[in-house]
Amino acid sequence: MKLEKKTVAENIADLVGLQAAYRAFKRLNVTNRILMGLITDYCPEQLFFLGMAIARCTSESVQFTEDFILDRSQVHSPWKFRVNVSLKNFKAFAKAWNCPSGSEMNPIRNRCTIY
């Protein structure tokens, strides 16, 4: 069975969770003024996405990733893909980071949109 088929439910859950968290974040109306003096290199939206990625940051060998993918009982994608695939399917990420249209993290086609 292909990885996409056995992990599709969890991949959708990752994207929907990201969208819900981002909506909650936007309701907080965080401004640069709140962050002034703390972190000056990033806007609040960029910090949101950095936090999401850092929370899932891992270092895995190629062998571990291959074994993980081949594990028939595994219903999740490896962390690298859980982060990158969710983010590249979320337009707010591309906007926050000014990803060029058609780039890997801002695809023109094959973007999964939910809601």
N, C-alpha and C. Protein backbone atom coordinates (compact mmCIF):
# COMPACT_ATOMS: atom_id res chain seq x y z
N MET A 1 0.85 -1.17 0.00
CA MET A 1 0.00 0.00 0.00
C MET A 1 0.90 1.24 0.00
N LYS A 2 0.55 2.22 -0.80
CA LYS A 2 1.33 3.44 -0.86
C LYS A 2 1.17 4.23 0.43
N LEU A 3 2.22 4.97 0.78
CA LEU A 3 2.22 5.79 1.99
C LEU A 3 1.04 6.76 2.00
N GLU A 4 0.76 7.38 0.85
CA GLU A 4 -0.32 8.37 0.80
C GLU A 4 -1.66 7.76 1.21
N LYS A 5 -1.92 6.53 0.79
CA LYS A 5 -3.20 5.90 1.08
C LYS A 5 -3.32 5.54 2.56
N LYS A 6 -2.24 5.04 3.14
CA LYS A 6 -2.35 4.63 4.53
C LYS A 6 -2.23 5.79 5.51
N THR A 7 -1.80 6.96 5.04
CA THR A 7 -1.66 8.11 5.94
C THR A 7 -2.62 9.25 5.60
N VAL A 8 -3.49 9.07 4.65
CA VAL A 8 -4.33 10.18 4.18
C VAL A 8 -5.17 10.80 5.28
N ALA A 9 -5.75 9.99 6.15
CA ALA A 9 -6.59 10.54 7.22
C ALA A 9 -5.77 11.42 8.16
N GLU A 10 -4.58 10.97 8.50
CA GLU A 10 -3.72 11.75 9.39
C GLU A 10 -3.18 12.99 8.69
N ASN A 11 -2.90 12.90 7.40
CA ASN A 11 -2.44 14.06 6.64
C ASN A 11 -3.53 15.13 6.60
N ILE A 12 -4.76 14.72 6.41
CA ILE A 12 -5.89 15.66 6.41
C ILE A 12 -6.03 16.27 7.80
N ALA A 13 -5.91 15.45 8.83
CA ALA A 13 -6.02 15.96 10.20
C ALA A 13 -4.93 16.99 10.49
N ASP A 14 -3.71 16.76 10.00
CA ASP A 14 -2.63 17.73 10.19
C ASP A 14 -2.99 19.07 9.55
N LEU A 15 -3.51 19.03 8.33
CA LEU A 15 -3.86 20.26 7.64
C LEU A 15 -5.02 20.98 8.32
N VAL A 16 -6.06 20.25 8.70
CA VAL A 16 -7.21 20.86 9.37
C VAL A 16 -6.79 21.44 10.73
N GLY A 17 -5.93 20.72 11.45
CA GLY A 17 -5.43 21.23 12.72
C GLY A 17 -4.64 22.50 12.55
N LEU A 18 -3.81 22.55 11.52
CA LEU A 18 -3.04 23.75 11.22
C LEU A 18 -3.98 24.92 10.91
N GLN A 19 -5.00 24.67 10.10
CA GLN A 19 -5.95 25.73 9.76
C GLN A 19 -6.68 26.24 11.00
N ALA A 20 -7.11 25.34 11.87
CA ALA A 20 -7.83 25.74 13.09
C ALA A 20 -6.91 26.55 14.01
N ALA A 21 -5.68 26.09 14.17
CA ALA A 21 -4.72 26.82 15.03
C ALA A 21 -4.44 28.20 14.46
N TYR A 22 -4.33 28.31 13.15
CA TYR A 22 -4.06 29.60 12.53
C TYR A 22 -5.23 30.56 12.71
N ARG A 23 -6.45 30.04 12.56
CA ARG A 23 -7.63 30.89 12.79
C ARG A 23 -7.65 31.40 14.23
N ALA A 24 -7.34 30.55 15.19
CA ALA A 24 -7.29 30.97 16.59
C ALA A 24 -6.19 32.01 16.79
N PHE A 25 -5.05 31.79 16.18
CA PHE A 25 -3.94 32.74 16.26
C PHE A 25 -4.36 34.10 15.72
N LYS A 26 -5.04 34.11 14.57
CA LYS A 26 -5.46 35.38 13.97
C LYS A 26 -6.48 36.11 14.86
N ARG A 27 -7.31 35.36 15.57
CA ARG A 27 -8.27 35.98 16.48
C ARG A 27 -7.58 36.68 17.64
N LEU A 28 -6.39 36.25 18.00
CA LEU A 28 -5.63 36.90 19.07
C LEU A 28 -5.18 38.29 18.67
N ASN A 29 -5.13 38.53 17.35
CA ASN A 29 -4.73 39.83 16.82
C ASN A 29 -3.36 40.25 17.35
N VAL A 30 -2.42 39.33 17.26
CA VAL A 30 -1.05 39.60 17.70
C VAL A 30 -0.45 40.66 16.79
N THR A 31 0.19 41.63 17.38
CA THR A 31 0.81 42.68 16.57
C THR A 31 2.31 42.68 16.81
N ASN A 32 3.01 43.34 15.91
CA ASN A 32 4.46 43.48 16.08
C ASN A 32 4.79 44.24 17.35
N ARG A 33 3.87 45.13 17.77
CA ARG A 33 4.12 45.91 18.98
C ARG A 33 4.24 45.01 20.21
N ILE A 34 3.44 43.96 20.26
CA ILE A 34 3.51 43.02 21.38
C ILE A 34 4.87 42.33 21.39
N LEU A 35 5.40 42.05 20.23
CA LEU A 35 6.66 41.33 20.11
C LEU A 35 7.88 42.25 20.10
N MET A 36 7.63 43.56 20.09
CA MET A 36 8.71 44.53 19.95
C MET A 36 9.79 44.29 21.00
N GLY A 37 11.00 44.24 20.56
CA GLY A 37 12.13 44.05 21.44
C GLY A 37 12.43 42.59 21.74
N LEU A 38 11.50 41.71 21.45
CA LEU A 38 11.73 40.29 21.71
C LEU A 38 12.29 39.61 20.48
N ILE A 39 11.53 39.63 19.42
CA ILE A 39 11.94 39.01 18.17
C ILE A 39 11.60 40.00 17.07
N THR A 40 12.62 40.51 16.42
CA THR A 40 12.39 41.59 15.46
C THR A 40 12.55 41.19 14.01
N ASP A 41 13.06 39.98 13.76
CA ASP A 41 13.34 39.58 12.39
C ASP A 41 12.14 38.99 11.66
N TYR A 42 11.07 38.66 12.39
CA TYR A 42 9.93 37.97 11.80
C TYR A 42 8.62 38.64 12.18
N CYS A 43 7.66 38.59 11.27
CA CYS A 43 6.33 39.09 11.57
C CYS A 43 5.58 38.02 12.38
N PRO A 44 4.47 38.38 13.04
CA PRO A 44 3.74 37.40 13.85
C PRO A 44 3.34 36.14 13.07
N GLU A 45 2.92 36.30 11.82
CA GLU A 45 2.51 35.14 11.03
C GLU A 45 3.69 34.20 10.79
N GLN A 46 4.86 34.76 10.49
CA GLN A 46 6.04 33.93 10.29
C GLN A 46 6.40 33.18 11.58
N LEU A 47 6.28 33.86 12.72
CA LEU A 47 6.57 33.22 14.01
C LEU A 47 5.60 32.07 14.28
N PHE A 48 4.34 32.25 13.89
CA PHE A 48 3.36 31.17 14.06
C PHE A 48 3.84 29.92 13.31
N PHE A 49 4.22 30.09 12.06
CA PHE A 49 4.63 28.94 11.25
C PHE A 49 5.97 28.37 11.73
N LEU A 50 6.87 29.22 12.18
CA LEU A 50 8.13 28.72 12.76
C LEU A 50 7.85 27.87 13.99
N GLY A 51 6.93 28.32 14.82
CA GLY A 51 6.57 27.56 16.02
C GLY A 51 5.99 26.21 15.68
N MET A 52 5.17 26.17 14.66
CA MET A 52 4.58 24.89 14.22
C MET A 52 5.67 23.94 13.77
N ALA A 53 6.63 24.44 13.00
CA ALA A 53 7.69 23.59 12.47
C ALA A 53 8.66 23.17 13.57
N ILE A 54 9.02 24.10 14.43
CA ILE A 54 9.98 23.79 15.50
C ILE A 54 9.41 22.74 16.46
N ALA A 55 8.12 22.80 16.71
CA ALA A 55 7.49 21.83 17.61
C ALA A 55 7.61 20.40 17.07
N ARG A 56 7.82 20.26 15.78
CA ARG A 56 7.91 18.94 15.16
C ARG A 56 9.31 18.65 14.62
N CYS A 57 10.27 19.45 15.04
CA CYS A 57 11.63 19.34 14.55
C CYS A 57 12.29 18.04 15.02
N THR A 58 12.80 17.28 14.09
CA THR A 58 13.50 16.04 14.40
C THR A 58 14.70 15.89 13.48
N SER A 59 15.55 15.00 13.84
CA SER A 59 16.68 14.63 12.99
C SER A 59 16.60 13.13 12.80
N GLU A 60 16.33 12.71 11.60
CA GLU A 60 16.15 11.29 11.32
C GLU A 60 17.07 10.87 10.19
N SER A 61 17.64 9.70 10.32
CA SER A 61 18.49 9.18 9.25
C SER A 61 17.62 8.74 8.08
N VAL A 62 18.24 8.62 6.94
CA VAL A 62 17.53 8.12 5.75
C VAL A 62 17.00 6.72 6.03
N GLN A 63 17.79 5.91 6.69
CA GLN A 63 17.37 4.53 7.01
C GLN A 63 16.14 4.53 7.91
N PHE A 64 16.13 5.40 8.93
CA PHE A 64 14.97 5.48 9.82
C PHE A 64 13.72 5.87 9.03
N THR A 65 13.86 6.88 8.17
CA THR A 65 12.72 7.34 7.38
C THR A 65 12.21 6.23 6.47
N GLU A 66 13.12 5.51 5.83
CA GLU A 66 12.71 4.40 4.96
C GLU A 66 12.00 3.31 5.77
N ASP A 67 12.55 2.95 6.91
CA ASP A 67 11.92 1.94 7.77
C ASP A 67 10.55 2.40 8.24
N PHE A 68 10.46 3.66 8.58
CA PHE A 68 9.20 4.25 9.04
C PHE A 68 8.13 4.13 7.95
N ILE A 69 8.49 4.48 6.74
CA ILE A 69 7.56 4.42 5.61
C ILE A 69 7.13 2.99 5.32
N LEU A 70 8.05 2.06 5.44
CA LEU A 70 7.74 0.65 5.14
C LEU A 70 6.98 -0.06 6.26
N ASP A 71 6.92 0.53 7.43
CA ASP A 71 6.21 -0.06 8.56
C ASP A 71 4.71 -0.07 8.26
N ARG A 72 4.16 -1.24 8.03
CA ARG A 72 2.74 -1.36 7.64
C ARG A 72 1.78 -0.87 8.72
N SER A 73 2.21 -0.85 9.98
CA SER A 73 1.31 -0.42 11.06
C SER A 73 1.30 1.10 11.22
N GLN A 74 2.21 1.79 10.54
CA GLN A 74 2.34 3.24 10.71
C GLN A 74 1.26 3.97 9.93
N VAL A 75 0.52 4.84 10.61
CA VAL A 75 -0.54 5.61 9.94
C VAL A 75 -0.17 7.08 9.77
N HIS A 76 1.04 7.44 10.18
CA HIS A 76 1.51 8.81 10.03
C HIS A 76 2.63 8.87 8.99
N SER A 77 2.76 10.01 8.37
CA SER A 77 3.91 10.28 7.52
C SER A 77 5.07 10.67 8.42
N PRO A 78 6.32 10.55 7.94
CA PRO A 78 7.46 11.05 8.71
C PRO A 78 7.29 12.56 8.97
N TRP A 79 7.86 13.05 10.07
CA TRP A 79 7.67 14.44 10.49
C TRP A 79 7.99 15.44 9.39
N LYS A 80 9.07 15.22 8.66
CA LYS A 80 9.45 16.17 7.60
C LYS A 80 8.28 16.40 6.65
N PHE A 81 7.60 15.33 6.29
CA PHE A 81 6.49 15.45 5.35
C PHE A 81 5.24 16.00 6.02
N ARG A 82 5.04 15.66 7.29
CA ARG A 82 3.89 16.19 8.02
C ARG A 82 3.97 17.71 8.11
N VAL A 83 5.16 18.23 8.26
CA VAL A 83 5.34 19.69 8.32
C VAL A 83 5.26 20.28 6.91
N ASN A 84 6.12 19.84 6.01
CA ASN A 84 6.21 20.46 4.69
C ASN A 84 4.93 20.33 3.88
N VAL A 85 4.29 19.18 3.92
CA VAL A 85 3.08 19.00 3.11
C VAL A 85 1.94 19.84 3.65
N SER A 86 1.79 19.89 4.97
CA SER A 86 0.74 20.75 5.55
C SER A 86 0.98 22.21 5.16
N LEU A 87 2.22 22.66 5.31
CA LEU A 87 2.51 24.07 5.03
C LEU A 87 2.37 24.42 3.56
N LYS A 88 2.80 23.55 2.67
CA LYS A 88 2.70 23.91 1.25
C LYS A 88 1.26 23.86 0.76
N ASN A 89 0.38 23.24 1.51
CA ASN A 89 -1.04 23.21 1.15
C ASN A 89 -1.83 24.34 1.81
N PHE A 90 -1.14 25.24 2.49
CA PHE A 90 -1.80 26.31 3.24
C PHE A 90 -1.37 27.66 2.68
N LYS A 91 -2.27 28.35 2.01
CA LYS A 91 -1.94 29.61 1.33
C LYS A 91 -1.40 30.67 2.28
N ALA A 92 -1.87 30.69 3.52
CA ALA A 92 -1.39 31.69 4.47
C ALA A 92 0.11 31.55 4.72
N PHE A 93 0.63 30.34 4.66
CA PHE A 93 2.07 30.13 4.82
C PHE A 93 2.82 30.80 3.67
N ALA A 94 2.38 30.52 2.45
CA ALA A 94 3.05 31.10 1.28
C ALA A 94 3.00 32.62 1.32
N LYS A 95 1.89 33.16 1.77
CA LYS A 95 1.76 34.61 1.86
C LYS A 95 2.71 35.17 2.92
N ALA A 96 2.75 34.54 4.09
CA ALA A 96 3.60 35.03 5.18
C ALA A 96 5.08 35.02 4.81
N TRP A 97 5.49 34.03 4.06
CA TRP A 97 6.90 33.88 3.72
C TRP A 97 7.22 34.33 2.30
N ASN A 98 6.24 34.92 1.60
CA ASN A 98 6.44 35.41 0.23
C ASN A 98 7.02 34.35 -0.70
N CYS A 99 6.45 33.15 -0.61
CA CYS A 99 6.90 32.06 -1.49
C CYS A 99 6.42 32.34 -2.91
N PRO A 100 7.30 32.31 -3.88
CA PRO A 100 6.89 32.57 -5.26
C PRO A 100 5.84 31.56 -5.74
N SER A 101 4.89 32.04 -6.49
CA SER A 101 3.88 31.17 -7.07
C SER A 101 4.54 30.12 -7.95
N GLY A 102 4.16 28.88 -7.75
CA GLY A 102 4.74 27.79 -8.52
C GLY A 102 5.97 27.16 -7.87
N SER A 103 6.42 27.72 -6.74
CA SER A 103 7.56 27.14 -6.04
C SER A 103 7.11 25.90 -5.27
N GLU A 104 8.08 25.17 -4.72
CA GLU A 104 7.76 23.94 -4.00
C GLU A 104 6.80 24.19 -2.84
N MET A 105 6.96 25.30 -2.13
CA MET A 105 6.12 25.58 -0.97
C MET A 105 4.92 26.45 -1.31
N ASN A 106 4.69 26.74 -2.58
CA ASN A 106 3.51 27.47 -3.03
C ASN A 106 3.11 26.97 -4.41
N PRO A 107 2.66 25.70 -4.47
CA PRO A 107 2.34 25.12 -5.78
C PRO A 107 1.11 25.76 -6.41
N ILE A 108 1.12 25.79 -7.72
CA ILE A 108 -0.04 26.30 -8.45
C ILE A 108 -1.10 25.22 -8.55
N ARG A 109 -0.66 23.99 -8.75
CA ARG A 109 -1.57 22.86 -8.90
C ARG A 109 -1.37 21.86 -7.79
N ASN A 110 -2.32 20.99 -7.66
CA ASN A 110 -2.26 19.89 -6.69
C ASN A 110 -2.17 20.35 -5.24
N ARG A 111 -2.75 21.51 -4.94
CA ARG A 111 -2.80 21.96 -3.56
C ARG A 111 -4.10 21.44 -2.96
N CYS A 112 -3.98 20.82 -1.82
CA CYS A 112 -5.14 20.29 -1.12
C CYS A 112 -5.75 21.40 -0.29
N THR A 113 -7.02 21.71 -0.50
CA THR A 113 -7.71 22.74 0.27
C THR A 113 -8.89 22.13 0.98
N ILE A 114 -8.97 22.38 2.27
CA ILE A 114 -10.08 21.88 3.08
C ILE A 114 -10.68 23.08 3.78
N TYR A 115 -11.97 23.19 3.71
CA TYR A 115 -12.76 24.31 4.25
C TYR A 115 -12.69 25.47 3.35
